[in-house]
């Protein structure tokens, strides 16, 4: 049964097109989350390098916080992860949903 096997790739493609491995991800003690680091963690989960539970445990994130990163990337790409521009991208997304 293939679905029961845990296949984990050795590397995935990061948000900037570079290969990401477990060693190249931000260190577990990261406290300053810049856009690139957030996007790398989201890409690692999307590519199957880590699970959501592993990311939350490794980086001491809440499920809600990580989910907000995923939504931001889905809606606006890496730019959506910028904390200083959350309102701008939120309103832009809401305008797109109206049409």
C-alpha atoms as a PDB file:
ATOM      1  CA  UNK A   1       0.000   0.000   0.000  1.00  0.00           C
ATOM      2  CA  UNK A   2       1.736   3.071  -1.260  1.00  0.00           C
ATOM      3  CA  UNK A   3      -0.460   5.538   0.619  1.00  0.00           C
ATOM      4  CA  UNK A   4       0.746   4.118   3.942  1.00  0.00           C
ATOM      5  CA  UNK A   5       4.405   4.540   3.069  1.00  0.00           C
ATOM      6  CA  UNK A   6       6.145   7.715   4.122  1.00  0.00           C
ATOM      7  CA  UNK A   7       7.940   8.997   1.050  1.00  0.00           C
ATOM      8  CA  UNK A   8       9.905  12.123   1.766  1.00  0.00           C
ATOM      9  CA  UNK A   9      11.923  13.816  -0.970  1.00  0.00           C
ATOM     10  CA  UNK A  10      15.538  14.691  -0.231  1.00  0.00           C
ATOM     11  CA  UNK A  11      14.981  18.175  -1.618  1.00  0.00           C
ATOM     12  CA  UNK A  12      12.237  20.393  -3.006  1.00  0.00           C
ATOM     13  CA  UNK A  13      12.290  23.565  -5.065  1.00  0.00           C
ATOM     14  CA  UNK A  14      12.204  26.683  -2.925  1.00  0.00           C
ATOM     15  CA  UNK A  15      10.325  29.922  -3.538  1.00  0.00           C
ATOM     16  CA  UNK A  16      13.261  31.453  -5.396  1.00  0.00           C
ATOM     17  CA  UNK A  17      13.906  28.367  -7.526  1.00  0.00           C
ATOM     18  CA  UNK A  18      16.771  27.004  -5.416  1.00  0.00           C
ATOM     19  CA  UNK A  19      16.800  23.470  -4.007  1.00  0.00           C
ATOM     20  CA  UNK A  20      15.721  23.226  -0.357  1.00  0.00           C
ATOM     21  CA  UNK A  21      16.823  20.436   1.966  1.00  0.00           C
ATOM     22  CA  UNK A  22      16.242  19.927   5.675  1.00  0.00           C
ATOM     23  CA  UNK A  23      19.704  21.386   6.298  1.00  0.00           C
ATOM     24  CA  UNK A  24      19.055  24.500   4.222  1.00  0.00           C
ATOM     25  CA  UNK A  25      15.776  25.366   5.965  1.00  0.00           C
ATOM     26  CA  UNK A  26      15.839  28.088   8.625  1.00  0.00           C
ATOM     27  CA  UNK A  27      17.239  26.814  11.932  1.00  0.00           C
ATOM     28  CA  UNK A  28      14.716  25.697  14.571  1.00  0.00           C
ATOM     29  CA  UNK A  29      15.666  28.575  16.889  1.00  0.00           C
ATOM     30  CA  UNK A  30      14.640  31.194  14.294  1.00  0.00           C
ATOM     31  CA  UNK A  31      12.839  34.101  15.916  1.00  0.00           C
ATOM     32  CA  UNK A  32      12.963  36.734  13.166  1.00  0.00           C
ATOM     33  CA  UNK A  33      10.725  35.610  10.354  1.00  0.00           C
ATOM     34  CA  UNK A  34      11.500  37.484   7.150  1.00  0.00           C
ATOM     35  CA  UNK A  35       9.511  36.845   3.978  1.00  0.00           C
ATOM     36  CA  UNK A  36      12.094  34.491   2.454  1.00  0.00           C
ATOM     37  CA  UNK A  37      12.228  32.249   5.527  1.00  0.00           C
ATOM     38  CA  UNK A  38       8.447  32.013   5.756  1.00  0.00           C
ATOM     39  CA  UNK A  39       8.213  31.191   2.044  1.00  0.00           C
ATOM     40  CA  UNK A  40      10.893  28.500   2.387  1.00  0.00           C
ATOM     41  CA  UNK A  41       8.985  26.791   5.186  1.00  0.00           C
ATOM     42  CA  UNK A  42       5.719  26.945   3.221  1.00  0.00           C
ATOM     43  CA  UNK A  43       7.484  25.498   0.155  1.00  0.00           C
ATOM     44  CA  UNK A  44       8.981  22.702   2.272  1.00  0.00           C
ATOM     45  CA  UNK A  45       5.512  21.663   3.422  1.00  0.00           C
ATOM     46  CA  UNK A  46       4.016  21.981  -0.056  1.00  0.00           C
ATOM     47  CA  UNK A  47       6.787  19.801  -1.468  1.00  0.00           C
ATOM     48  CA  UNK A  48       6.491  17.162   1.249  1.00  0.00           C
ATOM     49  CA  UNK A  49       9.856  17.820   2.890  1.00  0.00           C
ATOM     50  CA  UNK A  50       8.121  18.392   6.252  1.00  0.00           C
ATOM     51  CA  UNK A  51       4.577  17.939   7.489  1.00  0.00           C
ATOM     52  CA  UNK A  52       2.553  20.768   9.006  1.00  0.00           C
ATOM     53  CA  UNK A  53       2.839  19.152  12.437  1.00  0.00           C
ATOM     54  CA  UNK A  54       6.623  18.883  12.106  1.00  0.00           C
ATOM     55  CA  UNK A  55       6.897  22.539  11.090  1.00  0.00           C
ATOM     56  CA  UNK A  56       4.755  23.705  13.999  1.00  0.00           C
ATOM     57  CA  UNK A  57       6.809  21.660  16.465  1.00  0.00           C
ATOM     58  CA  UNK A  58      10.185  22.543  14.930  1.00  0.00           C
ATOM     59  CA  UNK A  59       9.572  26.303  14.842  1.00  0.00           C
ATOM     60  CA  UNK A  60       7.128  26.633  17.788  1.00  0.00           C
ATOM     61  CA  UNK A  61       4.394  27.976  15.520  1.00  0.00           C
ATOM     62  CA  UNK A  62       0.697  27.685  16.042  1.00  0.00           C
ATOM     63  CA  UNK A  63      -1.320  25.940  13.363  1.00  0.00           C
ATOM     64  CA  UNK A  64      -3.190  29.200  12.740  1.00  0.00           C
ATOM     65  CA  UNK A  65       0.018  31.151  12.175  1.00  0.00           C
ATOM     66  CA  UNK A  66       1.382  28.643   9.684  1.00  0.00           C
ATOM     67  CA  UNK A  67      -2.005  28.436   7.930  1.00  0.00           C
ATOM     68  CA  UNK A  68      -1.976  32.228   7.565  1.00  0.00           C
ATOM     69  CA  UNK A  69       1.428  31.974   5.839  1.00  0.00           C
ATOM     70  CA  UNK A  70       0.043  29.370   3.441  1.00  0.00           C
ATOM     71  CA  UNK A  71      -3.022  31.508   2.664  1.00  0.00           C
ATOM     72  CA  UNK A  72      -0.839  34.568   2.073  1.00  0.00           C
ATOM     73  CA  UNK A  73       1.375  32.677  -0.368  1.00  0.00           C
ATOM     74  CA  UNK A  74      -1.642  31.204  -2.165  1.00  0.00           C
ATOM     75  CA  UNK A  75      -3.311  34.591  -2.510  1.00  0.00           C
ATOM     76  CA  UNK A  76      -0.427  36.962  -3.219  1.00  0.00           C
ATOM     77  CA  UNK A  77       2.781  34.954  -3.496  1.00  0.00           C
ATOM     78  CA  UNK A  78       5.804  35.898  -1.424  1.00  0.00           C
ATOM     79  CA  UNK A  79       4.686  39.532  -1.292  1.00  0.00           C
ATOM     80  CA  UNK A  80       1.662  38.499   0.746  1.00  0.00           C
ATOM     81  CA  UNK A  81       3.971  37.449   3.580  1.00  0.00           C
ATOM     82  CA  UNK A  82       5.137  41.000   4.206  1.00  0.00           C
ATOM     83  CA  UNK A  83       3.789  41.995   7.599  1.00  0.00           C
ATOM     84  CA  UNK A  84       3.858  45.699   6.797  1.00  0.00           C
ATOM     85  CA  UNK A  85       1.594  45.210   3.760  1.00  0.00           C
ATOM     86  CA  UNK A  86      -1.021  42.782   5.113  1.00  0.00           C
ATOM     87  CA  UNK A  87      -3.902  45.270   4.798  1.00  0.00           C
ATOM     88  CA  UNK A  88      -2.949  46.181   1.233  1.00  0.00           C
ATOM     89  CA  UNK A  89      -2.852  42.593   0.005  1.00  0.00           C
ATOM     90  CA  UNK A  90      -5.965  41.670   1.978  1.00  0.00           C
ATOM     91  CA  UNK A  91      -7.990  44.458   0.358  1.00  0.00           C
ATOM     92  CA  UNK A  92      -6.586  43.589  -3.070  1.00  0.00           C
ATOM     93  CA  UNK A  93      -7.632  39.954  -2.609  1.00  0.00           C
ATOM     94  CA  UNK A  94     -11.117  40.979  -1.476  1.00  0.00           C
ATOM     95  CA  UNK A  95     -11.522  43.210  -4.551  1.00  0.00           C
ATOM     96  CA  UNK A  96     -10.531  40.305  -6.815  1.00  0.00           C
ATOM     97  CA  UNK A  97     -13.138  38.076  -5.172  1.00  0.00           C
ATOM     98  CA  UNK A  98     -15.920  40.550  -6.031  1.00  0.00           C
ATOM     99  CA  UNK A  99     -15.319  40.260  -9.778  1.00  0.00           C
END
